[in-house]
Amino acid sequence: MSVKFAISYSTPFNGTDPDRLAAFARHAEGCGFESLYLQDHIALYPGASYGGGELPPTLAYFDPLDALSFVAAVTDRLLLGTGVLLLPYRHPVVLAKRLATIDHLSRGRMRLLTVGLGALPGEARALGVDFRSRGRRADEAIDVLRLLWSGGPEGVSHRGEFFDFDNLCSYPKPVDARELPIHVGGSSRAAARRAGRRGDGYFAGGLLAEDERDRQLDLARETAAEAGRDPAALEYTRWGSASVSVERVEELAAHGVTRIVVNPTAETAAEQHDQMSEFAQRFGLT
């Protein structure tokens, strides 16, 4: 199998103890996981809900980029990922700087940025973003990030619906790369098309039938080809359980999956570490 395995750390589930996060990250690295992902919400409110149900407003979400900087400081090899960063709610000029900074401080490990639109209208409203236009805003933000990373000392300019600037220079640049990979997360055909047009990968979420997932991957690849991009270069990431079988992973690989992000569900830190160790042994990661 050519499938890569990542691990997800949920602060709403695990809490905000920095020692627990550090131990989790170190153990994941020791087990041979490729990368660690963190989720994102900037602010919640009573009654906030989407397809997965209502979110208690007291759930504690770390800022994923700050937390990934912390993870980078306590590990040596783990790639750093977001699953997903709510892109419409971040200004791309600031975000380009933050991501390149993390990439430098981690010696080139900020390589699994996954962006999404967000599903909570109240969160968008609090940040001054029109919920209905967040898709166009995200598209433009992706273009701006890449423009800033690729620009030289003469500066780059942009005129768009949401962002405008002239002769702007953004340094440092990503380590040994023209730009950082940007994956697109979502569970809709619009997200799949966005991944094909602009993404380096598609991180499929949601509770969908396998035939719909296949259709979305096909759509992402078709859109990539129409945009003059290489559809075969598009990575395909899916969620998976800590108990997933070798046979199931082989099935997913047959459906084009190139990375599985495992979400340990045991209650205690020790039990989660055991889950990771058992997973690593099952798939020969170490």
Protein backbone atom coordinates (compact mmCIF):
# COMPACT_ATOMS: atom_id res chain seq x y z
CA MET A 1 0.00 0.00 0.00
CA SER A 2 1.14 3.54 -0.72
CA VAL A 3 -1.25 5.10 1.79
CA LYS A 4 0.24 7.52 4.31
CA PHE A 5 -1.06 7.68 7.88
CA ALA A 6 -1.62 10.87 9.86
CA ILE A 7 -2.99 11.48 13.34
CA SER A 8 -5.50 14.07 14.52
CA TYR A 9 -5.41 15.80 17.89
CA SER A 10 -8.76 17.20 19.05
CA THR A 11 -8.53 19.86 21.74
CA PRO A 12 -12.33 19.88 22.28
CA PHE A 13 -12.03 16.19 23.15
CA ASN A 14 -8.60 16.10 24.81
CA GLY A 15 -8.55 19.47 26.53
CA THR A 16 -5.92 22.17 26.47
CA ASP A 17 -3.16 20.68 28.64
CA PRO A 18 0.11 21.46 26.77
CA ASP A 19 1.84 18.46 28.33
CA ARG A 20 -0.82 16.12 26.94
CA LEU A 21 -0.47 17.62 23.45
CA ALA A 22 3.33 17.39 23.58
CA ALA A 23 3.26 13.77 24.75
CA PHE A 24 0.68 12.88 22.09
CA ALA A 25 2.78 14.45 19.33
CA ARG A 26 6.00 12.80 20.47
CA HIS A 27 4.31 9.41 20.73
CA ALA A 28 2.76 9.79 17.27
CA GLU A 29 6.19 10.60 15.85
CA GLY A 30 7.74 7.65 17.63
CA CYS A 31 5.04 5.37 16.21
CA GLY A 32 5.90 6.44 12.68
CA PHE A 33 2.89 8.57 11.77
CA GLU A 34 3.61 10.93 8.90
CA SER A 35 1.86 14.01 10.24
CA LEU A 36 -0.35 15.59 12.89
CA TYR A 37 -3.53 17.56 12.16
CA LEU A 38 -5.39 20.12 14.26
CA GLN A 39 -8.93 21.41 13.77
CA ASP A 40 -10.15 25.00 13.76
CA HIS A 41 -12.91 27.21 15.07
CA ILE A 42 -12.29 30.83 15.96
CA ALA A 43 -15.43 31.42 18.03
CA LEU A 44 -18.59 29.50 18.90
CA TYR A 45 -21.95 30.62 20.24
CA PRO A 46 -25.05 29.02 21.79
CA GLY A 47 -27.01 27.15 19.15
CA ALA A 48 -24.14 26.83 16.67
CA SER A 49 -24.78 23.72 14.62
CA TYR A 50 -24.11 22.11 11.27
CA GLY A 51 -24.33 18.64 9.71
CA GLY A 52 -22.54 16.97 12.62
CA GLY A 53 -24.99 18.39 15.17
CA GLU A 54 -24.91 21.21 17.69
CA LEU A 55 -21.55 22.35 19.06
CA PRO A 56 -21.46 23.18 22.78
CA PRO A 57 -20.23 26.78 22.97
CA THR A 58 -17.66 25.92 25.64
CA LEU A 59 -15.64 23.60 23.37
CA ALA A 60 -12.03 24.75 23.46
CA TYR A 61 -10.31 24.94 20.08
CA PHE A 62 -6.65 25.95 20.03
CA ASP A 63 -5.64 28.27 17.25
CA PRO A 64 -4.28 25.51 14.99
CA LEU A 65 -1.29 27.45 13.70
CA ASP A 66 -0.12 28.49 17.15
CA ALA A 67 -0.60 24.93 18.35
CA LEU A 68 1.29 23.51 15.37
CA SER A 69 4.21 25.81 16.18
CA PHE A 70 4.21 24.23 19.64
CA VAL A 71 4.07 20.74 18.12
CA ALA A 72 6.98 21.60 15.84
CA ALA A 73 9.06 22.61 18.85
CA VAL A 74 8.61 19.26 20.61
CA THR A 75 9.03 16.99 17.55
CA ASP A 76 11.60 16.50 14.81
CA ARG A 77 9.90 14.85 11.82
CA LEU A 78 6.12 15.14 12.00
CA LEU A 79 4.59 17.09 9.15
CA LEU A 80 2.10 19.72 10.29
CA GLY A 81 -1.48 19.84 9.03
CA THR A 82 -4.81 21.58 9.54
CA GLY A 83 -8.07 19.75 9.15
CA VAL A 84 -9.39 22.29 8.28
CA LEU A 85 -8.26 25.92 8.62
CA LEU A 86 -11.21 28.26 8.05
CA LEU A 87 -9.65 30.28 5.27
CA PRO A 88 -12.34 32.93 4.64
CA TYR A 89 -11.84 34.22 8.18
CA ARG A 90 -8.10 34.90 7.83
CA HIS A 91 -6.50 37.70 5.84
CA PRO A 92 -4.15 36.05 3.33
CA VAL A 93 -1.42 38.67 3.68
CA VAL A 94 -1.12 37.91 7.39
CA LEU A 95 -1.62 34.19 6.81
CA ALA A 96 1.17 33.98 4.22
CA LYS A 97 3.59 35.35 6.81
CA ARG A 98 2.38 33.04 9.60
CA LEU A 99 2.56 29.89 7.49
CA ALA A 100 6.00 30.67 6.08
CA THR A 101 7.21 31.43 9.62
CA ILE A 102 5.99 28.04 10.91
CA ASP A 103 7.57 26.35 7.89
CA HIS A 104 10.92 27.96 8.72
CA LEU A 105 10.78 27.26 12.44
CA SER A 106 9.84 23.64 11.76
CA ARG A 107 12.54 23.29 9.04
CA GLY A 108 10.05 22.74 6.24
CA ARG A 109 7.28 20.76 7.93
CA MET A 110 4.27 23.07 7.41
CA ARG A 111 3.26 21.04 4.35
CA LEU A 112 -0.30 19.78 4.95
CA LEU A 113 -2.32 22.96 5.18
CA THR A 114 -5.94 22.05 4.47
CA VAL A 115 -8.42 24.88 4.11
CA GLY A 116 -12.20 24.96 4.25
CA LEU A 117 -15.05 27.46 4.19
CA GLY A 118 -16.67 27.05 7.60
CA ALA A 119 -20.29 26.13 8.22
CA LEU A 120 -21.38 28.49 11.02
CA PRO A 121 -23.03 31.73 9.86
CA GLY A 122 -22.57 33.33 13.28
CA GLU A 123 -18.83 32.76 13.15
CA ALA A 124 -18.62 34.44 9.75
CA ARG A 125 -20.79 37.34 10.90
CA ALA A 126 -18.62 37.94 13.98
CA LEU A 127 -15.56 38.24 11.74
CA GLY A 128 -17.20 40.60 9.28
CA VAL A 129 -17.40 38.04 6.47
CA ASP A 130 -20.47 37.63 4.28
CA PHE A 131 -21.33 33.94 4.73
CA ARG A 132 -22.69 33.71 1.18
CA SER A 133 -19.46 34.95 -0.41
CA ARG A 134 -17.03 32.86 1.64
CA GLY A 135 -16.35 30.49 -1.26
CA ARG A 136 -15.22 33.29 -3.57
CA ARG A 137 -13.24 34.80 -0.73
CA ALA A 138 -11.43 31.51 -0.10
CA ASP A 139 -10.64 31.10 -3.79
CA GLU A 140 -9.10 34.55 -3.93
CA ALA A 141 -7.21 34.00 -0.68
CA ILE A 142 -5.56 30.86 -2.10
CA ASP A 143 -4.44 32.86 -5.14
CA VAL A 144 -3.08 35.63 -2.91
CA LEU A 145 -1.13 33.22 -0.71
CA ARG A 146 0.60 31.69 -3.72
CA LEU A 147 1.25 35.07 -5.28
CA LEU A 148 2.92 36.37 -2.12
CA TRP A 149 5.04 33.25 -1.61
CA SER A 150 6.25 33.27 -5.21
CA GLY A 151 6.91 37.01 -5.43
CA GLY A 152 10.40 38.47 -5.50
CA PRO A 153 12.01 41.67 -4.17
CA GLU A 154 10.29 43.76 -6.83
CA GLY A 155 6.97 42.99 -5.14
CA VAL A 156 3.65 41.68 -6.41
CA SER A 157 0.31 43.40 -6.92
CA HIS A 158 -3.25 42.14 -6.75
CA ARG A 159 -6.65 43.56 -7.61
CA GLY A 160 -9.55 41.40 -6.51
CA GLU A 161 -13.04 41.36 -5.11
CA PHE A 162 -11.82 41.13 -1.52
CA PHE A 163 -8.10 42.00 -1.45
CA ASP A 164 -6.03 44.77 -3.04
CA PHE A 165 -2.35 45.66 -2.74
CA ASP A 166 0.55 47.05 -4.77
CA ASN A 167 4.20 45.95 -5.00
CA LEU A 168 4.01 43.87 -1.85
CA CYS A 169 6.90 41.70 -0.59
CA SER A 170 6.32 38.85 1.85
CA TYR A 171 9.36 37.24 3.47
CA PRO A 172 10.48 34.72 4.60
CA LYS A 173 9.53 32.33 1.85
CA PRO A 174 8.68 28.66 2.43
CA VAL A 175 11.76 26.50 2.96
CA ASP A 176 13.22 25.23 -0.34
CA ALA A 177 9.88 25.63 -2.11
CA ARG A 178 8.20 28.17 -4.35
CA GLU A 179 5.01 27.83 -2.34
CA LEU A 180 3.40 25.68 0.34
CA PRO A 181 0.94 22.95 -0.70
CA ILE A 182 -2.70 23.86 -0.10
CA HIS A 183 -5.26 21.08 0.24
CA VAL A 184 -8.99 21.74 0.13
CA GLY A 185 -11.33 20.16 2.64
CA GLY A 186 -15.05 19.62 2.32
CA SER A 187 -17.87 17.21 1.61
CA SER A 188 -19.58 18.86 -1.35
CA ARG A 189 -19.11 18.80 -5.10
CA ALA A 190 -18.23 22.50 -4.93
CA ALA A 191 -15.36 21.64 -2.57
CA ALA A 192 -14.20 18.90 -4.95
CA ARG A 193 -14.20 21.34 -7.85
CA ARG A 194 -12.27 23.87 -5.75
CA ALA A 195 -9.68 21.19 -5.00
CA GLY A 196 -9.35 20.46 -8.70
CA ARG A 197 -9.01 24.12 -9.72
CA ARG A 198 -6.71 25.29 -6.94
CA GLY A 199 -5.77 22.50 -4.54
CA ASP A 200 -2.80 20.21 -4.19
CA GLY A 201 -5.14 17.69 -2.59
CA TYR A 202 -8.72 16.99 -1.53
CA PHE A 203 -9.50 16.14 2.10
CA ALA A 204 -12.99 14.66 1.93
CA GLY A 205 -15.20 14.89 5.00
CA GLY A 206 -18.84 14.35 5.81
CA LEU A 207 -21.03 11.27 5.97
CA LEU A 208 -21.32 10.30 2.32
CA ALA A 209 -21.92 7.08 0.44
CA GLU A 210 -18.87 5.64 -1.27
CA ASP A 211 -20.29 6.23 -4.75
CA GLU A 212 -20.69 9.95 -3.99
CA ARG A 213 -17.12 10.08 -2.70
CA ASP A 214 -15.94 8.44 -5.92
CA ARG A 215 -17.92 10.98 -7.93
CA GLN A 216 -16.36 13.86 -6.00
CA LEU A 217 -12.83 12.56 -6.56
CA ASP A 218 -13.57 12.11 -10.26
CA LEU A 219 -14.95 15.65 -10.33
CA ALA A 220 -11.82 17.03 -8.65
CA ARG A 221 -9.61 15.30 -11.20
CA GLU A 222 -11.79 16.35 -14.13
CA THR A 223 -11.73 19.96 -12.95
CA ALA A 224 -7.95 19.82 -12.53
CA ALA A 225 -7.55 18.60 -16.11
CA GLU A 226 -9.87 21.33 -17.40
CA ALA A 227 -7.74 23.91 -15.57
CA GLY A 228 -4.58 22.61 -17.21
CA ARG A 229 -3.32 20.97 -14.02
CA ASP A 230 -2.12 17.40 -13.51
CA PRO A 231 -5.04 15.40 -12.05
CA ALA A 232 -2.72 12.56 -11.05
CA ALA A 233 -0.82 14.92 -8.74
CA LEU A 234 -3.92 15.56 -6.61
CA GLU A 235 -3.61 13.88 -3.22
CA TYR A 236 -6.74 12.36 -1.68
CA THR A 237 -7.12 12.33 2.11
CA ARG A 238 -9.86 10.70 4.18
CA TRP A 239 -10.68 10.29 7.87
CA GLY A 240 -10.25 6.88 9.47
CA SER A 241 -10.70 5.22 12.84
CA ALA A 242 -7.92 3.90 15.03
CA SER A 243 -9.44 0.42 14.60
CA VAL A 244 -9.48 0.46 10.78
CA SER A 245 -8.45 -2.87 9.30
CA VAL A 246 -5.74 -3.57 6.76
CA GLU A 247 -8.45 -4.80 4.38
CA ARG A 248 -10.42 -1.57 4.71
CA VAL A 249 -7.32 0.51 4.02
CA GLU A 250 -6.68 -1.57 0.91
CA GLU A 251 -10.26 -0.82 -0.19
CA LEU A 252 -9.72 2.89 0.37
CA ALA A 253 -6.47 2.79 -1.57
CA ALA A 254 -8.37 1.17 -4.44
CA HIS A 255 -10.71 4.20 -4.34
CA GLY A 256 -7.71 6.52 -4.78
CA VAL A 257 -7.05 7.43 -1.12
CA THR A 258 -3.43 8.46 -0.55
CA ARG A 259 -3.62 9.53 3.11
CA ILE A 260 -5.76 8.51 6.10
CA VAL A 261 -6.07 10.77 9.13
CA VAL A 262 -6.69 8.68 12.24
CA ASN A 263 -8.73 10.13 15.10
CA PRO A 264 -8.06 8.30 18.40
CA THR A 265 -11.24 8.11 20.48
CA ALA A 266 -10.00 6.59 23.74
CA GLU A 267 -10.74 8.74 26.76
CA THR A 268 -7.38 8.89 28.52
CA ALA A 269 -3.99 9.89 27.17
CA ALA A 270 -2.52 6.48 28.02
CA GLU A 271 -5.29 4.67 26.14
CA GLN A 272 -4.80 6.93 23.13
CA HIS A 273 -1.09 6.15 23.14
CA ASP A 274 -1.94 2.46 23.21
CA GLN A 275 -4.29 2.94 20.25
CA MET A 276 -1.52 4.64 18.28
CA SER A 277 0.99 1.92 19.16
CA GLU A 278 -1.43 -0.84 18.14
CA PHE A 279 -2.20 0.99 14.88
CA ALA A 280 1.49 1.41 14.12
CA GLN A 281 2.10 -2.28 14.73
CA ARG A 282 -0.86 -3.31 12.56
CA PHE A 283 0.44 -1.32 9.61
CA GLY A 284 4.17 -1.68 10.21
CA LEU A 285 4.83 2.02 10.65
CA THR A 286 7.83 1.62 12.95
